Amino acid sequence: MNQLDKNMTAELVTALLIHYSFDLGGYSSSELIAQWFHNYPEKWVRAAVIEALYRGRYKAISIDQILAVWQRRGDALHHFTHEFERLVCADLPDTLVELESTDNSKQYEQMHFVAAANPHEQASVIVVKPVTVKPYVSSSTDEVRSPLSSCSPIVRFTPPEATTSDFHAKLKAISRNSTKKQSESLPSD
């Protein structure tokens, strides 16, 4: 992928992140995109953002998780359709959509490809132009916590042992009485 394609993909990913108000976890979109492009193929990053939208997961950590799963598999297996991708990108600036659509059919056909043995060989400098839309910035100064640090381990639930209820005792007594009456009513030879 040449530098123009990388920049175009980076701009499209930035526009998607900002337009759909992804929670970037305190990072800027350019930092995240540079990190993703360094660790994963560029086509995967774009597809992972659209996959996160398709799944309704609007956080950068979700994109990280999708990319990690794809890298483990060695294949970018997405669930969204070409129609969903078109609808998602329809609200983006026309210049990005037009540039992207020229290469879109070829790119869509090549979406499922095996990852390179070393994705770091594909890394290069990415220049991301700022978009005119300003992202929402939270006024909270709370520190972003790792999801793993705040979770406690899952404990297996064991229901308490039930004591014999009064109902159960009455049912047994009725059953005994009924059996006794049946045996008494049988004719004896």
N, C-alpha and C. Protein backbone atom coordinates (compact mmCIF):
# COMPACT_ATOMS: atom_id res chain seq x y z
N MET A 1 0.87 -1.18 0.00
CA MET A 1 0.00 0.00 0.00
C MET A 1 0.91 1.23 0.00
N ASN A 2 0.73 2.14 -0.96
CA ASN A 2 1.58 3.31 -1.03
C ASN A 2 1.16 4.37 -0.01
N GLN A 3 1.97 5.41 0.10
CA GLN A 3 1.75 6.43 1.13
C GLN A 3 0.42 7.15 0.93
N LEU A 4 0.01 7.41 -0.31
CA LEU A 4 -1.27 8.08 -0.56
C LEU A 4 -2.43 7.23 -0.06
N ASP A 5 -2.37 5.92 -0.34
CA ASP A 5 -3.43 5.02 0.14
C ASP A 5 -3.47 4.97 1.66
N LYS A 6 -2.28 4.96 2.29
CA LYS A 6 -2.23 4.93 3.76
C LYS A 6 -2.84 6.20 4.34
N ASN A 7 -2.49 7.34 3.75
CA ASN A 7 -3.05 8.60 4.24
C ASN A 7 -4.56 8.65 4.04
N MET A 8 -5.02 8.17 2.89
CA MET A 8 -6.45 8.16 2.61
C MET A 8 -7.18 7.25 3.60
N THR A 9 -6.61 6.07 3.86
CA THR A 9 -7.21 5.15 4.82
C THR A 9 -7.20 5.76 6.21
N ALA A 10 -6.10 6.41 6.58
CA ALA A 10 -6.01 7.05 7.90
C ALA A 10 -7.05 8.16 8.04
N GLU A 11 -7.25 8.95 6.99
CA GLU A 11 -8.26 10.01 7.03
C GLU A 11 -9.67 9.43 7.14
N LEU A 12 -9.92 8.35 6.42
CA LEU A 12 -11.24 7.72 6.49
C LEU A 12 -11.50 7.14 7.88
N VAL A 13 -10.50 6.48 8.45
CA VAL A 13 -10.65 5.92 9.80
C VAL A 13 -10.85 7.03 10.81
N THR A 14 -10.09 8.12 10.68
CA THR A 14 -10.27 9.27 11.58
C THR A 14 -11.67 9.83 11.47
N ALA A 15 -12.14 9.99 10.24
CA ALA A 15 -13.50 10.52 10.04
C ALA A 15 -14.55 9.60 10.66
N LEU A 16 -14.38 8.29 10.52
CA LEU A 16 -15.32 7.34 11.13
C LEU A 16 -15.30 7.44 12.65
N LEU A 17 -14.09 7.49 13.22
CA LEU A 17 -13.96 7.57 14.69
C LEU A 17 -14.63 8.83 15.23
N ILE A 18 -14.44 9.94 14.55
CA ILE A 18 -14.99 11.22 15.03
C ILE A 18 -16.48 11.31 14.73
N HIS A 19 -16.88 10.94 13.52
CA HIS A 19 -18.28 11.06 13.13
C HIS A 19 -19.20 10.21 14.00
N TYR A 20 -18.75 9.01 14.35
CA TYR A 20 -19.57 8.11 15.16
C TYR A 20 -19.23 8.19 16.65
N SER A 21 -18.49 9.20 17.05
CA SER A 21 -18.19 9.52 18.46
C SER A 21 -17.66 8.32 19.24
N PHE A 22 -16.64 7.70 18.72
CA PHE A 22 -16.00 6.60 19.43
C PHE A 22 -15.35 7.12 20.70
N ASP A 23 -15.38 6.31 21.75
CA ASP A 23 -14.67 6.60 22.99
C ASP A 23 -13.22 6.20 22.75
N LEU A 24 -12.33 7.18 22.69
CA LEU A 24 -10.94 6.91 22.34
C LEU A 24 -10.07 6.63 23.56
N GLY A 25 -10.66 6.58 24.72
CA GLY A 25 -9.92 6.21 25.93
C GLY A 25 -8.81 7.18 26.29
N GLY A 26 -8.99 8.46 26.02
CA GLY A 26 -7.99 9.45 26.38
C GLY A 26 -6.90 9.68 25.34
N TYR A 27 -6.89 8.91 24.29
CA TYR A 27 -5.90 9.07 23.22
C TYR A 27 -6.51 9.88 22.09
N SER A 28 -5.65 10.44 21.26
CA SER A 28 -6.15 11.13 20.07
C SER A 28 -6.31 10.09 18.96
N SER A 29 -7.13 10.43 17.99
CA SER A 29 -7.36 9.48 16.90
C SER A 29 -6.07 9.22 16.12
N SER A 30 -5.24 10.22 15.96
CA SER A 30 -3.99 10.02 15.21
C SER A 30 -3.03 9.09 15.95
N GLU A 31 -3.01 9.16 17.29
CA GLU A 31 -2.16 8.25 18.07
C GLU A 31 -2.63 6.80 17.90
N LEU A 32 -3.94 6.61 18.01
CA LEU A 32 -4.48 5.26 17.88
C LEU A 32 -4.25 4.69 16.48
N ILE A 33 -4.50 5.51 15.48
CA ILE A 33 -4.34 5.05 14.10
C ILE A 33 -2.88 4.70 13.81
N ALA A 34 -1.95 5.53 14.29
CA ALA A 34 -0.53 5.23 14.10
C ALA A 34 -0.16 3.91 14.77
N GLN A 35 -0.68 3.68 15.97
CA GLN A 35 -0.41 2.43 16.68
C GLN A 35 -1.01 1.24 15.93
N TRP A 36 -2.25 1.38 15.48
CA TRP A 36 -2.90 0.29 14.74
C TRP A 36 -2.18 -0.01 13.43
N PHE A 37 -1.81 1.04 12.70
CA PHE A 37 -1.11 0.85 11.43
C PHE A 37 0.26 0.21 11.64
N HIS A 38 0.86 0.48 12.79
CA HIS A 38 2.16 -0.11 13.10
C HIS A 38 2.03 -1.61 13.39
N ASN A 39 0.94 -2.01 14.02
CA ASN A 39 0.77 -3.40 14.46
C ASN A 39 -0.04 -4.28 13.51
N TYR A 40 -0.86 -3.67 12.66
CA TYR A 40 -1.77 -4.45 11.82
C TYR A 40 -1.77 -3.90 10.39
N PRO A 41 -2.19 -4.71 9.42
CA PRO A 41 -2.33 -4.20 8.05
C PRO A 41 -3.39 -3.10 7.99
N GLU A 42 -3.15 -2.10 7.15
CA GLU A 42 -4.03 -0.93 7.08
C GLU A 42 -5.46 -1.29 6.70
N LYS A 43 -5.62 -2.25 5.81
CA LYS A 43 -6.98 -2.65 5.40
C LYS A 43 -7.75 -3.23 6.57
N TRP A 44 -7.04 -3.89 7.47
CA TRP A 44 -7.69 -4.46 8.64
C TRP A 44 -8.22 -3.38 9.57
N VAL A 45 -7.47 -2.29 9.71
CA VAL A 45 -7.87 -1.22 10.63
C VAL A 45 -9.20 -0.62 10.17
N ARG A 46 -9.28 -0.31 8.91
CA ARG A 46 -10.52 0.25 8.36
C ARG A 46 -11.68 -0.73 8.55
N ALA A 47 -11.44 -2.00 8.24
CA ALA A 47 -12.49 -3.01 8.38
C ALA A 47 -12.86 -3.21 9.85
N ALA A 48 -11.89 -3.10 10.75
CA ALA A 48 -12.17 -3.29 12.19
C ALA A 48 -13.04 -2.16 12.73
N VAL A 49 -12.83 -0.93 12.25
CA VAL A 49 -13.68 0.19 12.69
C VAL A 49 -15.11 -0.04 12.21
N ILE A 50 -15.28 -0.46 10.98
CA ILE A 50 -16.63 -0.73 10.46
C ILE A 50 -17.24 -1.93 11.18
N GLU A 51 -16.44 -2.93 11.49
CA GLU A 51 -16.93 -4.10 12.24
C GLU A 51 -17.40 -3.68 13.64
N ALA A 52 -16.65 -2.79 14.29
CA ALA A 52 -17.05 -2.30 15.61
C ALA A 52 -18.38 -1.55 15.52
N LEU A 53 -18.55 -0.76 14.47
CA LEU A 53 -19.83 -0.08 14.26
C LEU A 53 -20.94 -1.09 14.05
N TYR A 54 -20.67 -2.12 13.27
CA TYR A 54 -21.67 -3.15 12.99
C TYR A 54 -22.10 -3.86 14.27
N ARG A 55 -21.14 -4.09 15.16
CA ARG A 55 -21.44 -4.77 16.43
C ARG A 55 -22.00 -3.82 17.49
N GLY A 56 -22.01 -2.52 17.20
CA GLY A 56 -22.52 -1.55 18.17
C GLY A 56 -21.55 -1.28 19.29
N ARG A 57 -20.28 -1.45 19.04
CA ARG A 57 -19.24 -1.25 20.06
C ARG A 57 -18.46 0.01 19.68
N TYR A 58 -18.74 1.10 20.36
CA TYR A 58 -18.21 2.41 19.99
C TYR A 58 -17.03 2.81 20.86
N LYS A 59 -16.09 1.92 21.07
CA LYS A 59 -14.91 2.22 21.87
C LYS A 59 -13.67 1.77 21.11
N ALA A 60 -12.58 2.51 21.31
CA ALA A 60 -11.32 2.16 20.65
C ALA A 60 -10.82 0.80 21.14
N ILE A 61 -11.07 0.47 22.39
CA ILE A 61 -10.64 -0.82 22.93
C ILE A 61 -11.33 -1.96 22.18
N SER A 62 -12.55 -1.74 21.70
CA SER A 62 -13.25 -2.76 20.92
C SER A 62 -12.54 -3.00 19.59
N ILE A 63 -12.06 -1.93 18.99
CA ILE A 63 -11.32 -2.06 17.74
C ILE A 63 -10.03 -2.83 17.99
N ASP A 64 -9.35 -2.52 19.12
CA ASP A 64 -8.15 -3.26 19.50
C ASP A 64 -8.44 -4.75 19.63
N GLN A 65 -9.55 -5.07 20.29
CA GLN A 65 -9.90 -6.48 20.51
C GLN A 65 -10.21 -7.18 19.19
N ILE A 66 -10.93 -6.51 18.30
CA ILE A 66 -11.25 -7.10 17.00
C ILE A 66 -9.96 -7.36 16.21
N LEU A 67 -9.06 -6.38 16.21
CA LEU A 67 -7.79 -6.55 15.48
C LEU A 67 -6.94 -7.66 16.08
N ALA A 68 -6.94 -7.78 17.42
CA ALA A 68 -6.16 -8.84 18.07
C ALA A 68 -6.70 -10.22 17.71
N VAL A 69 -8.02 -10.35 17.67
CA VAL A 69 -8.62 -11.63 17.30
C VAL A 69 -8.28 -11.97 15.85
N TRP A 70 -8.37 -10.99 14.98
CA TRP A 70 -8.05 -11.22 13.57
C TRP A 70 -6.58 -11.62 13.41
N GLN A 71 -5.71 -10.97 14.18
CA GLN A 71 -4.29 -11.30 14.07
C GLN A 71 -4.02 -12.71 14.57
N ARG A 72 -4.68 -13.10 15.66
CA ARG A 72 -4.54 -14.46 16.17
C ARG A 72 -4.98 -15.49 15.13
N ARG A 73 -6.08 -15.18 14.44
CA ARG A 73 -6.61 -16.08 13.41
C ARG A 73 -5.76 -16.03 12.14
N GLY A 74 -5.12 -14.89 11.92
CA GLY A 74 -4.36 -14.70 10.69
C GLY A 74 -5.24 -14.30 9.53
N ASP A 75 -6.49 -13.94 9.81
CA ASP A 75 -7.44 -13.60 8.76
C ASP A 75 -8.44 -12.57 9.29
N ALA A 76 -8.76 -11.60 8.47
CA ALA A 76 -9.74 -10.58 8.86
C ALA A 76 -11.12 -11.06 8.45
N LEU A 77 -11.82 -11.67 9.37
CA LEU A 77 -13.15 -12.20 9.08
C LEU A 77 -14.19 -11.24 9.67
N HIS A 78 -14.81 -10.46 8.82
CA HIS A 78 -15.80 -9.49 9.29
C HIS A 78 -17.21 -10.01 9.05
N HIS A 79 -18.17 -9.42 9.76
CA HIS A 79 -19.57 -9.84 9.66
C HIS A 79 -20.45 -8.84 8.90
N PHE A 80 -19.95 -7.64 8.69
CA PHE A 80 -20.75 -6.63 8.01
C PHE A 80 -20.77 -6.90 6.50
N THR A 81 -21.78 -6.35 5.85
CA THR A 81 -21.91 -6.51 4.40
C THR A 81 -21.42 -5.25 3.70
N HIS A 82 -21.27 -5.36 2.40
CA HIS A 82 -20.85 -4.21 1.59
C HIS A 82 -21.90 -3.10 1.69
N GLU A 83 -23.16 -3.48 1.78
CA GLU A 83 -24.25 -2.50 1.91
C GLU A 83 -24.13 -1.72 3.22
N PHE A 84 -23.82 -2.42 4.32
CA PHE A 84 -23.65 -1.74 5.61
C PHE A 84 -22.47 -0.78 5.54
N GLU A 85 -21.39 -1.22 4.94
CA GLU A 85 -20.21 -0.37 4.78
C GLU A 85 -20.57 0.90 4.00
N ARG A 86 -21.34 0.75 2.94
CA ARG A 86 -21.75 1.90 2.13
C ARG A 86 -22.61 2.86 2.95
N LEU A 87 -23.54 2.31 3.75
CA LEU A 87 -24.40 3.16 4.58
C LEU A 87 -23.61 3.91 5.65
N VAL A 88 -22.65 3.22 6.26
CA VAL A 88 -21.84 3.83 7.32
C VAL A 88 -21.00 4.97 6.76
N CYS A 89 -20.45 4.77 5.59
CA CYS A 89 -19.57 5.77 4.99
C CYS A 89 -20.33 6.86 4.24
N ALA A 90 -21.65 6.73 4.13
CA ALA A 90 -22.44 7.69 3.36
C ALA A 90 -22.45 9.08 3.99
N ASP A 91 -22.35 9.16 5.31
CA ASP A 91 -22.41 10.45 6.00
C ASP A 91 -21.05 11.14 6.11
N LEU A 92 -20.01 10.53 5.60
CA LEU A 92 -18.68 11.12 5.68
C LEU A 92 -18.51 12.18 4.60
N PRO A 93 -17.49 13.02 4.75
CA PRO A 93 -17.25 14.03 3.70
C PRO A 93 -17.11 13.37 2.33
N ASP A 94 -17.70 14.00 1.33
CA ASP A 94 -17.76 13.43 -0.02
C ASP A 94 -16.38 13.14 -0.60
N THR A 95 -15.39 13.97 -0.28
CA THR A 95 -14.06 13.76 -0.85
C THR A 95 -13.47 12.43 -0.39
N LEU A 96 -13.68 12.08 0.87
CA LEU A 96 -13.16 10.80 1.37
C LEU A 96 -13.89 9.63 0.74
N VAL A 97 -15.18 9.74 0.62
CA VAL A 97 -15.97 8.65 0.06
C VAL A 97 -15.64 8.44 -1.41
N GLU A 98 -15.48 9.53 -2.17
CA GLU A 98 -15.16 9.40 -3.59
C GLU A 98 -13.78 8.77 -3.78
N LEU A 99 -12.80 9.22 -2.99
CA LEU A 99 -11.46 8.64 -3.10
C LEU A 99 -11.48 7.17 -2.73
N GLU A 100 -12.23 6.84 -1.72
CA GLU A 100 -12.29 5.46 -1.25
C GLU A 100 -13.04 4.56 -2.23
N SER A 101 -14.09 5.07 -2.84
CA SER A 101 -14.92 4.22 -3.70
C SER A 101 -14.20 3.81 -4.98
N THR A 102 -13.19 4.55 -5.42
CA THR A 102 -12.46 4.16 -6.62
C THR A 102 -11.71 2.85 -6.42
N ASP A 103 -11.24 2.60 -5.21
CA ASP A 103 -10.49 1.39 -4.92
C ASP A 103 -11.32 0.40 -4.11
N ASN A 104 -12.59 0.74 -3.85
CA ASN A 104 -13.41 -0.01 -2.90
C ASN A 104 -13.73 -1.43 -3.36
N SER A 105 -14.09 -1.63 -4.62
CA SER A 105 -14.47 -2.97 -5.06
C SER A 105 -13.29 -3.93 -5.00
N LYS A 106 -12.12 -3.46 -5.40
CA LYS A 106 -10.93 -4.31 -5.34
C LYS A 106 -10.58 -4.60 -3.88
N GLN A 107 -10.69 -3.59 -3.03
CA GLN A 107 -10.37 -3.76 -1.61
C GLN A 107 -11.35 -4.70 -0.93
N TYR A 108 -12.62 -4.61 -1.28
CA TYR A 108 -13.64 -5.47 -0.66
C TYR A 108 -13.39 -6.94 -0.99
N GLU A 109 -12.97 -7.21 -2.22
CA GLU A 109 -12.70 -8.59 -2.62
C GLU A 109 -11.48 -9.16 -1.91
N GLN A 110 -10.53 -8.31 -1.55
CA GLN A 110 -9.30 -8.76 -0.92
C GLN A 110 -9.35 -8.66 0.60
N MET A 111 -10.53 -8.48 1.18
CA MET A 111 -10.63 -8.25 2.62
C MET A 111 -10.16 -9.45 3.43
N HIS A 112 -10.47 -10.65 2.99
CA HIS A 112 -10.06 -11.85 3.72
C HIS A 112 -8.70 -12.30 3.18
N PHE A 113 -7.65 -11.85 3.83
CA PHE A 113 -6.35 -12.29 3.39
C PHE A 113 -5.53 -12.67 4.61
N VAL A 114 -4.53 -13.50 4.39
CA VAL A 114 -3.71 -13.98 5.48
C VAL A 114 -2.72 -12.90 5.86
N ALA A 115 -2.53 -12.71 7.18
CA ALA A 115 -1.63 -11.67 7.67
C ALA A 115 -0.19 -12.03 7.33
N ALA A 116 0.60 -11.01 7.17
CA ALA A 116 2.02 -11.23 6.94
C ALA A 116 2.64 -11.80 8.21
N ALA A 117 3.71 -12.52 8.05
CA ALA A 117 4.36 -13.13 9.22
C ALA A 117 4.84 -12.06 10.19
N ASN A 118 5.28 -10.93 9.67
CA ASN A 118 5.74 -9.84 10.52
C ASN A 118 5.06 -8.56 10.09
N PRO A 119 3.98 -8.14 10.78
CA PRO A 119 3.27 -6.93 10.35
C PRO A 119 4.09 -5.66 10.55
N HIS A 120 5.18 -5.72 11.34
CA HIS A 120 5.98 -4.53 11.58
C HIS A 120 6.76 -4.11 10.33
N GLU A 121 6.96 -5.02 9.38
CA GLU A 121 7.66 -4.67 8.15
C GLU A 121 6.87 -3.68 7.32
N GLN A 122 5.56 -3.62 7.51
CA GLN A 122 4.72 -2.74 6.72
C GLN A 122 4.62 -1.34 7.31
N ALA A 123 5.20 -1.13 8.48
CA ALA A 123 5.04 0.12 9.20
C ALA A 123 5.75 1.26 8.47
N SER A 124 5.16 2.44 8.52
CA SER A 124 5.77 3.64 7.98
C SER A 124 5.13 4.83 8.67
N VAL A 125 5.63 6.01 8.36
CA VAL A 125 5.11 7.22 8.97
C VAL A 125 3.75 7.55 8.36
N ILE A 126 2.79 7.87 9.20
CA ILE A 126 1.43 8.19 8.76
C ILE A 126 1.17 9.66 9.05
N VAL A 127 0.71 10.38 8.06
CA VAL A 127 0.34 11.78 8.24
C VAL A 127 -1.18 11.86 8.22
N VAL A 128 -1.76 12.35 9.32
CA VAL A 128 -3.20 12.45 9.42
C VAL A 128 -3.57 13.92 9.48
N LYS A 129 -4.42 14.35 8.56
CA LYS A 129 -4.89 15.73 8.55
C LYS A 129 -6.02 15.87 9.56
N PRO A 130 -6.02 16.94 10.34
CA PRO A 130 -7.12 17.12 11.29
C PRO A 130 -8.43 17.38 10.55
N VAL A 131 -9.51 16.84 11.07
CA VAL A 131 -10.83 17.00 10.50
C VAL A 131 -11.49 18.20 11.18
N THR A 132 -12.35 18.90 10.47
CA THR A 132 -12.97 20.11 11.02
C THR A 132 -13.92 19.82 12.16
N VAL A 133 -14.44 18.60 12.26
CA VAL A 133 -15.38 18.25 13.32
C VAL A 133 -14.59 18.03 14.60
N LYS A 134 -15.00 18.69 15.68
CA LYS A 134 -14.33 18.55 16.96
C LYS A 134 -14.95 17.40 17.74
N PRO A 135 -14.13 16.47 18.27
CA PRO A 135 -14.69 15.38 19.07
C PRO A 135 -15.13 15.88 20.44
N TYR A 136 -16.08 15.19 21.02
CA TYR A 136 -16.56 15.52 22.35
C TYR A 136 -15.47 15.18 23.36
N VAL A 137 -15.12 16.13 24.21
CA VAL A 137 -14.10 15.91 25.23
C VAL A 137 -14.78 15.93 26.58
N SER A 138 -14.60 14.88 27.32
CA SER A 138 -15.20 14.77 28.65
C SER A 138 -14.50 15.72 29.60
N SER A 139 -15.26 16.34 30.49
CA SER A 139 -14.68 17.26 31.45
C SER A 139 -14.15 16.51 32.66
N SER A 140 -14.39 15.24 32.73
CA SER A 140 -13.94 14.42 33.86
C SER A 140 -12.43 14.21 33.76
N THR A 141 -11.77 14.28 34.89
CA THR A 141 -10.33 14.04 34.92
C THR A 141 -10.02 12.68 35.51
N ASP A 142 -11.02 11.82 35.56
CA ASP A 142 -10.81 10.48 36.10
C ASP A 142 -9.81 9.72 35.26
N GLU A 143 -9.02 8.93 35.93
CA GLU A 143 -8.02 8.12 35.25
C GLU A 143 -8.70 6.95 34.56
N VAL A 144 -8.27 6.65 33.35
CA VAL A 144 -8.85 5.53 32.62
C VAL A 144 -8.27 4.25 33.22
N ARG A 145 -9.15 3.35 33.66
CA ARG A 145 -8.71 2.12 34.29
C ARG A 145 -8.72 0.99 33.28
N SER A 146 -7.81 0.08 33.49
CA SER A 146 -7.78 -1.12 32.66
C SER A 146 -8.95 -1.99 33.05
N PRO A 147 -9.67 -2.56 32.09
CA PRO A 147 -10.82 -3.39 32.43
C PRO A 147 -10.42 -4.63 33.22
N LEU A 148 -9.20 -5.11 33.05
CA LEU A 148 -8.78 -6.31 33.75
C LEU A 148 -8.47 -6.04 35.22
N SER A 149 -8.04 -4.80 35.55
CA SER A 149 -7.65 -4.52 36.93
C SER A 149 -8.84 -4.40 37.86
N SER A 150 -10.01 -4.03 37.37
CA SER A 150 -11.16 -3.83 38.24
C SER A 150 -12.08 -5.04 38.31
N CYS A 151 -11.81 -6.06 37.54
CA CYS A 151 -12.70 -7.22 37.52
C CYS A 151 -12.24 -8.26 38.54
N SER A 152 -13.20 -8.78 39.28
CA SER A 152 -12.88 -9.87 40.20
C SER A 152 -13.16 -11.18 39.48
N PRO A 153 -12.49 -12.25 39.91
CA PRO A 153 -12.71 -13.53 39.23
C PRO A 153 -14.14 -14.03 39.44
N ILE A 154 -14.61 -14.77 38.49
CA ILE A 154 -15.96 -15.32 38.56
C ILE A 154 -15.96 -16.49 39.52
N VAL A 155 -16.88 -16.46 40.47
CA VAL A 155 -17.00 -17.53 41.45
C VAL A 155 -18.15 -18.43 41.05
N ARG A 156 -17.92 -19.72 41.14
CA ARG A 156 -18.97 -20.66 40.76
C ARG A 156 -20.09 -20.60 41.79
N PHE A 157 -21.31 -20.49 41.31
CA PHE A 157 -22.48 -20.40 42.18
C PHE A 157 -22.93 -21.80 42.56
N THR A 158 -23.05 -22.01 43.86
CA THR A 158 -23.58 -23.28 44.36
C THR A 158 -24.81 -22.95 45.18
N PRO A 159 -25.98 -23.45 44.79
CA PRO A 159 -27.19 -23.13 45.54
C PRO A 159 -27.15 -23.80 46.91
N PRO A 160 -27.76 -23.17 47.91
CA PRO A 160 -27.77 -23.77 49.24
C PRO A 160 -28.59 -25.06 49.22
N GLU A 161 -28.18 -26.00 50.08
CA GLU A 161 -28.91 -27.26 50.13
C GLU A 161 -30.30 -27.02 50.68
N ALA A 162 -31.27 -27.56 50.00
CA ALA A 162 -32.66 -27.35 50.40
C ALA A 162 -33.00 -28.31 51.55
N THR A 163 -33.70 -27.78 52.52
CA THR A 163 -34.19 -28.63 53.60
C THR A 163 -35.48 -29.27 53.13
N THR A 164 -35.79 -30.41 53.69
CA THR A 164 -37.01 -31.09 53.31
C THR A 164 -38.19 -30.23 53.72
N SER A 165 -39.01 -29.93 52.78
CA SER A 165 -40.14 -29.05 53.07
C SER A 165 -41.30 -29.86 53.65
N ASP A 166 -42.20 -29.16 54.26
CA ASP A 166 -43.40 -29.76 54.83
C ASP A 166 -44.25 -30.39 53.72
N PHE A 167 -44.26 -29.75 52.57
CA PHE A 167 -45.03 -30.26 51.43
C PHE A 167 -44.53 -31.65 51.02
N HIS A 168 -43.22 -31.81 50.99
CA HIS A 168 -42.63 -33.08 50.59
C HIS A 168 -43.03 -34.19 51.56
N ALA A 169 -43.01 -33.90 52.86
CA ALA A 169 -43.39 -34.90 53.87
C ALA A 169 -44.86 -35.30 53.71
N LYS A 170 -45.73 -34.33 53.47
CA LYS A 170 -47.16 -34.63 53.29
C LYS A 170 -47.38 -35.48 52.04
N LEU A 171 -46.68 -35.18 50.98
CA LEU A 171 -46.80 -35.92 49.73
C LEU A 171 -46.38 -37.38 49.93
N LYS A 172 -45.31 -37.62 50.68
CA LYS A 172 -44.87 -38.98 50.97
C LYS A 172 -45.94 -39.74 51.77
N ALA A 173 -46.53 -39.06 52.75
CA ALA A 173 -47.56 -39.70 53.59
C ALA A 173 -48.77 -40.09 52.74
N ILE A 174 -49.19 -39.21 51.84
CA ILE A 174 -50.33 -39.51 50.97
C ILE A 174 -50.00 -40.71 50.09
N SER A 175 -48.79 -40.74 49.57
CA SER A 175 -48.37 -41.84 48.71
C SER A 175 -48.38 -43.16 49.47
N ARG A 176 -47.90 -43.18 50.70
CA ARG A 176 -47.89 -44.40 51.52
C ARG A 176 -49.32 -44.87 51.80
N ASN A 177 -50.18 -43.91 52.17
CA ASN A 177 -51.58 -44.27 52.47
C ASN A 177 -52.27 -44.84 51.25
N SER A 178 -52.03 -44.24 50.11
CA SER A 178 -52.66 -44.71 48.88
C SER A 178 -52.16 -46.11 48.52
N THR A 179 -50.88 -46.37 48.69
CA THR A 179 -50.32 -47.70 48.40
C THR A 179 -50.88 -48.74 49.37
N LYS A 180 -51.01 -48.35 50.65
CA LYS A 180 -51.54 -49.26 51.67
C LYS A 180 -52.99 -49.62 51.36
N LYS A 181 -53.81 -48.64 50.97
CA LYS A 181 -55.22 -48.88 50.66
C LYS A 181 -55.35 -49.80 49.45
N GLN A 182 -54.49 -49.60 48.43
CA GLN A 182 -54.55 -50.45 47.24
C GLN A 182 -54.21 -51.89 47.59
N SER A 183 -53.23 -52.09 48.45
CA SER A 183 -52.85 -53.46 48.80
C SER A 183 -53.92 -54.13 49.66
N GLU A 184 -54.65 -53.37 50.46
CA GLU A 184 -55.72 -53.93 51.28
C GLU A 184 -56.93 -54.29 50.42
N SER A 185 -57.16 -53.55 49.35
CA SER A 185 -58.33 -53.79 48.51
C SER A 185 -58.15 -54.97 47.56
N LEU A 186 -56.95 -55.44 47.38
CA LEU A 186 -56.72 -56.59 46.50
C LEU A 186 -57.24 -57.85 47.18
N PRO A 187 -57.94 -58.71 46.42
CA PRO A 187 -58.47 -59.96 47.01
C PRO A 187 -57.34 -60.92 47.34
N SER A 188 -57.41 -61.49 48.45
CA SER A 188 -56.39 -62.47 48.84
C SER A 188 -56.91 -63.87 48.57
N ASP A 189 -56.15 -64.71 47.99
CA ASP A 189 -56.56 -66.06 47.63
C ASP A 189 -56.35 -67.00 48.74
